[in-house]
Amino acid sequence: MTVHQHRPNNGLRNRAADTKATPVDFLTQWYRHGGGSDQEILETFGITSREYFAHILEILDDECGDLSGTTVAAIRSVARRRLWLAS
């Protein structure tokens, strides 16, 4: 399966489940650097970066209780930019 083929979003499992990384945790580490590479996202969560960033925008408000408003805004900006670049 190529990176561009659609994969179902099965809870963003794969390596994320093994390492206990959540999508927001991952992006919290990578947002200052553009959000992480497409390959790392695919290897960690088993989905394309487009699917990943769309998911981030869906869950960000519910799963960011420990983050400052500034950090959430920066993460949202990175996610939107990556989705724009992927379109």
Protein backbone atom coordinates (compact mmCIF):
# COMPACT_ATOMS: atom_id res chain seq x y z
CA MET A 1 0.00 0.00 0.00
CA THR A 2 1.43 3.37 -0.96
CA VAL A 3 1.44 6.43 1.23
CA HIS A 4 -1.23 8.00 -0.95
CA GLN A 5 -3.73 5.17 -0.68
CA HIS A 6 -6.51 5.59 1.85
CA ARG A 7 -6.15 3.66 5.08
CA PRO A 8 -8.98 3.44 7.57
CA ASN A 9 -8.55 5.45 10.75
CA ASN A 10 -8.57 2.62 13.27
CA GLY A 11 -7.95 4.81 16.29
CA LEU A 12 -4.50 5.80 15.02
CA ARG A 13 -3.10 2.61 16.43
CA ASN A 14 0.00 0.90 14.98
CA ARG A 15 3.22 2.06 16.64
CA ALA A 16 1.37 4.73 18.58
CA ALA A 17 -0.34 2.04 20.63
CA ASP A 18 3.00 0.38 21.32
CA THR A 19 4.69 3.61 22.41
CA LYS A 20 1.63 5.12 24.11
CA ALA A 21 2.01 8.20 21.91
CA THR A 22 -1.20 10.04 21.21
CA PRO A 23 -1.67 12.17 18.10
CA VAL A 24 -1.61 15.34 20.20
CA ASP A 25 1.50 14.21 22.12
CA PHE A 26 3.28 13.56 18.83
CA LEU A 27 2.35 16.93 17.39
CA THR A 28 3.24 18.70 20.63
CA GLN A 29 6.79 17.43 20.10
CA TRP A 30 6.88 18.31 16.39
CA TYR A 31 4.75 21.42 15.78
CA ARG A 32 7.73 23.79 16.08
CA HIS A 33 9.33 21.86 13.22
CA GLY A 34 6.35 21.77 10.89
CA GLY A 35 4.54 18.80 12.42
CA GLY A 36 6.84 15.88 11.71
CA SER A 37 7.62 14.06 8.50
CA ASP A 38 5.02 12.24 6.44
CA GLN A 39 7.04 9.05 6.88
CA GLU A 40 7.20 9.33 10.66
CA ILE A 41 3.45 9.94 10.83
CA LEU A 42 2.80 6.92 8.62
CA GLU A 43 5.12 4.71 10.67
CA THR A 44 3.77 5.92 14.01
CA PHE A 45 0.04 5.99 13.32
CA GLY A 46 -0.42 3.94 10.15
CA ILE A 47 -2.22 6.71 8.27
CA THR A 48 -1.27 9.43 5.82
CA SER A 49 -0.26 12.82 7.10
CA ARG A 50 -3.42 14.29 5.55
CA GLU A 51 -5.58 11.92 7.61
CA TYR A 52 -3.47 12.61 10.69
CA PHE A 53 -3.76 16.41 10.52
CA ALA A 54 -7.50 16.23 9.77
CA HIS A 55 -7.85 14.04 12.87
CA ILE A 56 -5.80 16.52 14.93
CA LEU A 57 -8.18 19.34 14.01
CA GLU A 58 -11.16 17.16 15.00
CA ILE A 59 -9.79 16.18 18.44
CA LEU A 60 -7.60 19.13 19.40
CA ASP A 61 -10.09 20.94 21.60
CA ASP A 62 -11.05 17.76 23.48
CA GLU A 63 -7.53 16.43 24.08
CA CYS A 64 -5.43 19.49 24.83
CA GLY A 65 -6.39 20.28 28.42
CA ASP A 66 -2.76 20.55 29.55
CA LEU A 67 -1.65 22.84 26.73
CA SER A 68 -1.70 26.63 26.72
CA GLY A 69 -3.96 28.51 24.36
CA THR A 70 -0.88 29.73 22.49
CA THR A 71 0.37 26.17 21.96
CA VAL A 72 -3.06 24.98 20.82
CA ALA A 73 -3.24 27.87 18.34
CA ALA A 74 0.23 27.02 17.01
CA ILE A 75 -0.64 23.32 16.66
CA ARG A 76 -3.90 24.22 14.89
CA SER A 77 -1.95 26.48 12.52
CA VAL A 78 0.53 23.72 11.68
CA ALA A 79 -2.28 21.22 11.06
CA ARG A 80 -4.16 23.61 8.77
CA ARG A 81 -1.01 24.46 6.84
CA ARG A 82 -0.11 20.80 6.33
CA LEU A 83 -3.65 20.06 5.11
CA TRP A 84 -3.41 23.01 2.71
CA LEU A 85 -0.04 21.79 1.43
CA ALA A 86 -1.46 18.29 0.91
CA SER A 87 -4.38 19.51 -1.17
